[in-house]
Protein backbone atom coordinates (compact mmCIF):
# COMPACT_ATOMS: atom_id res chain seq x y z
CA UNK A 1 -9.30 26.81 -16.45
CA UNK A 2 -6.86 24.20 -14.94
CA UNK A 3 -6.02 21.58 -17.62
CA UNK A 4 -5.51 18.03 -17.03
CA UNK A 5 -2.67 16.55 -19.27
CA UNK A 6 -3.46 12.87 -20.19
CA UNK A 7 -1.20 10.19 -21.61
CA UNK A 8 -2.61 7.27 -23.12
CA UNK A 9 -0.58 4.35 -23.55
CA UNK A 10 -1.50 1.52 -25.86
CA UNK A 11 -0.17 -0.67 -28.42
CA UNK A 12 -3.43 -0.63 -30.37
CA UNK A 13 -3.17 2.34 -32.34
CA UNK A 14 -6.69 2.80 -33.35
CA UNK A 15 -7.99 2.12 -29.72
CA UNK A 16 -5.39 4.51 -28.52
CA UNK A 17 -6.12 7.26 -30.95
CA UNK A 18 -9.77 6.95 -30.68
CA UNK A 19 -9.55 7.27 -26.96
CA UNK A 20 -7.09 10.07 -27.18
CA UNK A 21 -9.47 12.06 -29.65
CA UNK A 22 -12.71 11.30 -27.03
CA UNK A 23 -10.71 12.81 -24.35
CA UNK A 24 -9.58 15.99 -26.35
CA UNK A 25 -13.04 16.96 -26.81
CA UNK A 26 -13.27 17.71 -23.19
CA UNK A 27 -12.43 21.58 -22.53
CA UNK A 28 -10.07 20.84 -19.65
CA UNK A 29 -8.31 17.91 -20.85
CA UNK A 30 -4.83 17.83 -23.05
CA UNK A 31 -4.30 14.59 -24.33
CA UNK A 32 -1.21 12.28 -26.03
CA UNK A 33 -0.79 9.03 -27.00
CA UNK A 34 1.86 6.66 -26.81
CA UNK A 35 2.15 3.18 -28.46
CA UNK A 36 4.57 1.28 -26.17
CA UNK A 37 6.07 1.59 -22.53
CA UNK A 38 9.43 2.55 -24.08
CA UNK A 39 7.75 5.70 -25.87
CA UNK A 40 5.65 6.59 -22.79
CA UNK A 41 8.93 6.91 -20.56
CA UNK A 42 10.24 9.13 -23.35
CA UNK A 43 7.07 11.38 -23.44
CA UNK A 44 7.05 11.59 -19.68
CA UNK A 45 11.08 12.50 -19.59
CA UNK A 46 10.57 15.06 -22.54
CA UNK A 47 7.30 16.62 -20.85
CA UNK A 48 9.14 17.33 -17.31
CA UNK A 49 12.34 18.57 -18.95
CA UNK A 50 10.08 21.21 -20.59
CA UNK A 51 8.14 21.89 -17.41
CA UNK A 52 4.66 20.55 -18.51
CA UNK A 53 4.41 17.27 -16.57
CA UNK A 54 1.56 14.71 -17.26
CA UNK A 55 -1.03 14.26 -14.52
CA UNK A 56 -2.75 11.14 -15.45
CA UNK A 57 -1.63 7.96 -17.40
CA UNK A 58 -4.09 5.59 -18.94
CA UNK A 59 -2.03 2.32 -19.28
CA UNK A 60 -3.22 -0.86 -21.28
CA UNK A 61 -2.80 -4.00 -18.85
CA UNK A 62 -1.87 -5.96 -21.52
CA UNK A 63 0.82 -3.62 -23.17
CA UNK A 64 3.40 -5.61 -25.21
CA UNK A 65 7.02 -5.08 -25.32
CA UNK A 66 9.74 -4.97 -22.83
CA UNK A 67 11.19 -2.22 -20.36
CA UNK A 68 14.61 -2.92 -19.79
CA UNK A 69 15.85 -2.27 -16.25
CA UNK A 70 12.07 -1.97 -14.91
CA UNK A 71 10.75 -4.77 -12.64
CA UNK A 72 7.48 -5.73 -11.50
CA UNK A 73 6.56 -4.52 -7.93
CA UNK A 74 5.38 -7.89 -6.86
CA UNK A 75 6.60 -10.98 -8.52
CA UNK A 76 4.25 -13.66 -9.22
CA UNK A 77 4.44 -16.82 -11.22
CA UNK A 78 3.94 -15.40 -14.84
CA UNK A 79 7.06 -13.14 -14.44
CA UNK A 80 9.97 -14.06 -16.46
CA UNK A 81 13.55 -13.82 -15.80
CA UNK A 82 13.55 -10.03 -16.59
CA UNK A 83 10.93 -9.44 -14.25
CA UNK A 84 8.32 -8.08 -16.31
CA UNK A 85 4.69 -8.30 -15.96
CA UNK A 86 3.02 -6.53 -19.29
CA UNK A 87 1.70 -2.93 -18.73
CA UNK A 88 1.82 -3.41 -14.88
CA UNK A 89 5.86 -3.07 -15.39
CA UNK A 90 5.07 0.37 -16.61
CA UNK A 91 3.31 1.23 -13.59
CA UNK A 92 6.26 0.56 -11.31
CA UNK A 93 8.60 2.48 -13.48
CA UNK A 94 6.58 5.50 -13.83
CA UNK A 95 6.00 5.52 -10.02
CA UNK A 96 9.32 5.46 -9.48
CA UNK A 97 10.57 7.87 -11.88
CA UNK A 98 7.65 10.41 -11.54
CA UNK A 99 5.42 9.68 -8.31
CA UNK A 100 3.42 12.50 -8.82
CA UNK A 101 1.73 10.94 -12.02
CA UNK A 102 -1.41 9.16 -11.55
CA UNK A 103 -2.09 5.66 -13.15
CA UNK A 104 -5.17 4.36 -14.41
CA UNK A 105 -5.16 0.80 -15.79
CA UNK A 106 -7.36 -0.17 -18.73
CA UNK A 107 -8.37 -3.72 -19.15
CA UNK A 108 -9.95 -5.90 -21.54
CA UNK A 109 -11.65 -8.04 -18.28
CA UNK A 110 -11.94 -7.86 -14.93
CA UNK A 111 -9.16 -9.78 -13.12
CA UNK A 112 -8.83 -9.44 -9.46
CA UNK A 113 -5.60 -10.69 -9.19
CA UNK A 114 -3.89 -8.51 -11.81
CA UNK A 115 -6.18 -5.52 -10.35
CA UNK A 116 -4.30 -6.25 -7.03
CA UNK A 117 -1.09 -6.18 -8.82
CA UNK A 118 -1.66 -2.89 -10.54
CA UNK A 119 -2.63 -1.37 -7.41
CA UNK A 120 0.67 -2.67 -5.45
CA UNK A 121 2.59 -1.64 -8.31
CA UNK A 122 1.21 2.17 -7.65
CA UNK A 123 -1.85 2.47 -9.88
CA UNK A 124 -4.76 4.54 -8.56
CA UNK A 125 -7.44 2.57 -10.76
CA UNK A 126 -8.37 -0.22 -13.03
CA UNK A 127 -11.03 0.48 -15.39
CA UNK A 128 -12.87 -1.83 -18.08
CA UNK A 129 -11.66 -0.56 -21.52
CA UNK A 130 -15.13 -0.61 -22.77
CA UNK A 131 -16.50 1.90 -19.92
CA UNK A 132 -18.28 5.06 -21.14
CA UNK A 133 -16.24 8.06 -21.54
CA UNK A 134 -18.16 9.98 -18.49
CA UNK A 135 -16.92 7.23 -16.35
CA UNK A 136 -13.55 7.16 -17.20
CA UNK A 137 -13.44 10.97 -16.89
CA UNK A 138 -14.93 10.54 -13.28
CA UNK A 139 -11.97 8.04 -12.56
CA UNK A 140 -9.74 10.38 -13.96
CA UNK A 141 -10.46 13.51 -12.17
CA UNK A 142 -11.06 10.94 -8.95
CA UNK A 143 -7.34 10.01 -9.11
CA UNK A 144 -6.30 13.59 -9.01
CA UNK A 145 -8.17 13.90 -5.59
CA UNK A 146 -5.90 10.83 -4.26
CA UNK A 147 -9.27 8.42 -4.77
CA UNK A 148 -8.53 4.60 -5.66
CA UNK A 149 -11.20 3.40 -8.28
CA UNK A 150 -12.14 -0.43 -8.67
CA UNK A 151 -15.39 -1.72 -10.32
CA UNK A 152 -17.60 -2.85 -7.67
CA UNK A 153 -17.38 -6.28 -8.94
CA UNK A 154 -13.83 -6.46 -8.37
CA UNK A 155 -13.72 -5.24 -4.95
CA UNK A 156 -13.90 -8.57 -2.98
CA UNK A 157 -11.66 -10.42 -5.02
CA UNK A 158 -8.83 -7.51 -4.91
CA UNK A 159 -9.10 -7.24 -1.12
CA UNK A 160 -8.69 -11.11 -1.15
CA UNK A 161 -5.66 -11.03 -3.21
CA UNK A 162 -4.19 -8.11 -1.16
CA UNK A 163 -4.77 -10.03 1.90
CA UNK A 164 -3.15 -13.24 0.90
CA UNK A 165 -0.01 -10.93 -0.56
CA UNK A 166 0.21 -9.34 2.70
CA UNK A 167 0.48 -12.90 4.43
CA UNK A 168 3.07 -14.09 1.89
CA UNK A 169 5.16 -10.98 2.34
CA UNK A 170 4.78 -11.56 6.25
CA UNK A 171 6.28 -15.40 5.56
CA UNK A 172 8.90 -13.85 3.28
CA UNK A 173 10.22 -11.57 5.41
CA UNK A 174 10.40 -14.15 8.17
CA UNK A 175 12.44 -16.32 5.80
CA UNK A 176 14.96 -13.43 4.96
CA UNK A 177 15.44 -12.52 8.61
CA UNK A 178 16.73 -16.14 8.94
CA UNK A 179 19.94 -15.21 7.10
CA UNK A 180 23.29 -14.00 8.14
CA UNK A 181 24.17 -10.27 7.17
CA UNK A 182 26.43 -11.91 4.62
CA UNK A 183 23.92 -14.32 2.87
CA UNK A 184 21.63 -11.14 3.00
CA UNK A 185 24.20 -9.19 1.00
CA UNK A 186 24.62 -12.21 -1.19
CA UNK A 187 20.84 -12.40 -1.82
CA UNK A 188 20.73 -8.48 -2.87
CA UNK A 189 23.43 -9.47 -5.32
CA UNK A 190 21.12 -12.06 -6.54
CA UNK A 191 18.24 -9.48 -6.89
CA UNK A 192 20.71 -7.18 -8.90
CA UNK A 193 21.17 -9.80 -11.49
CA UNK A 194 24.69 -10.61 -10.65
CA UNK A 195 26.05 -14.33 -11.30
CA UNK A 196 28.49 -16.08 -8.98
CA UNK A 197 31.55 -14.60 -10.42
CA UNK A 198 30.59 -10.99 -10.25
CA UNK A 199 29.40 -11.75 -6.48
CA UNK A 200 32.57 -13.03 -5.92
CA UNK A 201 34.39 -10.05 -7.00
CA UNK A 202 32.20 -7.49 -5.58
CA UNK A 203 32.25 -9.35 -2.02
CA UNK A 204 35.93 -10.31 -2.33
CA UNK A 205 35.25 -13.95 -1.85
CA UNK A 206 36.41 -17.32 -3.73
CA UNK A 207 33.67 -18.22 -6.37
CA UNK A 208 33.43 -21.69 -4.10
CA UNK A 209 32.37 -19.41 -1.06
CA UNK A 210 29.56 -17.59 -3.18
CA UNK A 211 28.39 -20.79 -4.11
CA UNK A 212 28.35 -21.93 -0.74
CA UNK A 213 26.30 -18.67 0.59
CA UNK A 214 23.75 -18.68 -2.56
CA UNK A 215 22.88 -22.53 -1.65
CA UNK A 216 22.49 -21.80 1.97
CA UNK A 217 20.38 -18.96 0.90
CA UNK A 218 18.35 -21.27 -1.42
CA UNK A 219 17.93 -23.71 1.67
CA UNK A 220 16.83 -21.30 4.29
CA UNK A 221 14.45 -19.72 1.84
CA UNK A 222 13.19 -22.78 0.74
CA UNK A 223 13.48 -22.42 -2.81
CA UNK A 224 15.19 -24.38 -5.60
CA UNK A 225 16.38 -21.77 -7.88
CA UNK A 226 17.88 -18.13 -7.98
CA UNK A 227 14.78 -16.73 -10.03
CA UNK A 228 12.43 -17.94 -7.11
CA UNK A 229 15.02 -16.47 -4.35
CA UNK A 230 14.67 -13.20 -6.10
CA UNK A 231 11.04 -13.35 -6.24
CA UNK A 232 10.69 -14.18 -2.46
CA UNK A 233 13.51 -11.55 -1.85
CA UNK A 234 10.84 -9.08 -3.51
CA UNK A 235 7.98 -9.85 -1.63
CA UNK A 236 10.16 -9.39 1.49
CA UNK A 237 10.80 -5.97 0.23
CA UNK A 238 14.68 -6.80 -0.54
CA UNK A 239 16.20 -4.50 -3.06
CA UNK A 240 19.25 -4.89 -5.21
CA UNK A 241 22.64 -4.07 -3.72
CA UNK A 242 23.85 -0.54 -5.37
CA UNK A 243 25.78 -1.27 -8.38
CA UNK A 244 26.66 2.45 -8.63
CA UNK A 245 28.42 3.26 -5.27
CA UNK A 246 31.45 1.84 -3.50
CA UNK A 247 31.85 -1.78 -3.00
CA UNK A 248 30.71 -3.53 0.18
CA UNK A 249 32.93 -4.16 3.13
CA UNK A 250 35.65 -6.96 2.33
CA UNK A 251 35.18 -10.50 2.94
CA UNK A 252 34.85 -12.06 6.63
CA UNK A 253 33.54 -8.69 8.23
CA UNK A 254 29.86 -9.58 7.40
CA UNK A 255 29.91 -13.33 7.73
């Protein structure tokens, strides 16, 4: 019998343990539980190192805590300066580190906007926490067949949100394309979280020149803060500059 390895991630201990116990009663399911995002990541890494990877994660949409270095796939107004969107940020991190893992988000209530965010982050399903065990098992087995599962009542709202997000992305891409190569490099440094001094050192420019480039970036993107510029850049698919590799070309060559 092929067994399905499931990890329940929820900071409400009683719920997590109860759900894990219910799933464990199934003959083809092996299940464990984690009480936080960091704990889940450690469990995933340990399982992968031991050659017994998890197949499915069940993640609480309202998971508390922070995940240093992990940003949400789609910036929204609720995102803080660290870019975290509760449990959805865990979806982004897991899909990046272990793309084979299928993720189902468990939610207290139906929310088309957050469900759309979860799908954009890489989740394969959005399920109510109070759904029946048989329904949850259907979803678990379905996502392993590359299916996407949403409550029927959410479909119209989620499609509307995804369409709006695509429109925003197109507009964001157009604005980013208006930047010069040097301004785009500065924007990538901003996405990486570098301050003006660090950008100047990396690009071999003076702080005054970097300040001018940053002001130009904000003006061309039509925003008034670095955080808003970073959010727009991420919508346009602009990633952070590689901080582990060699420094970029010396000043003037990209201007």
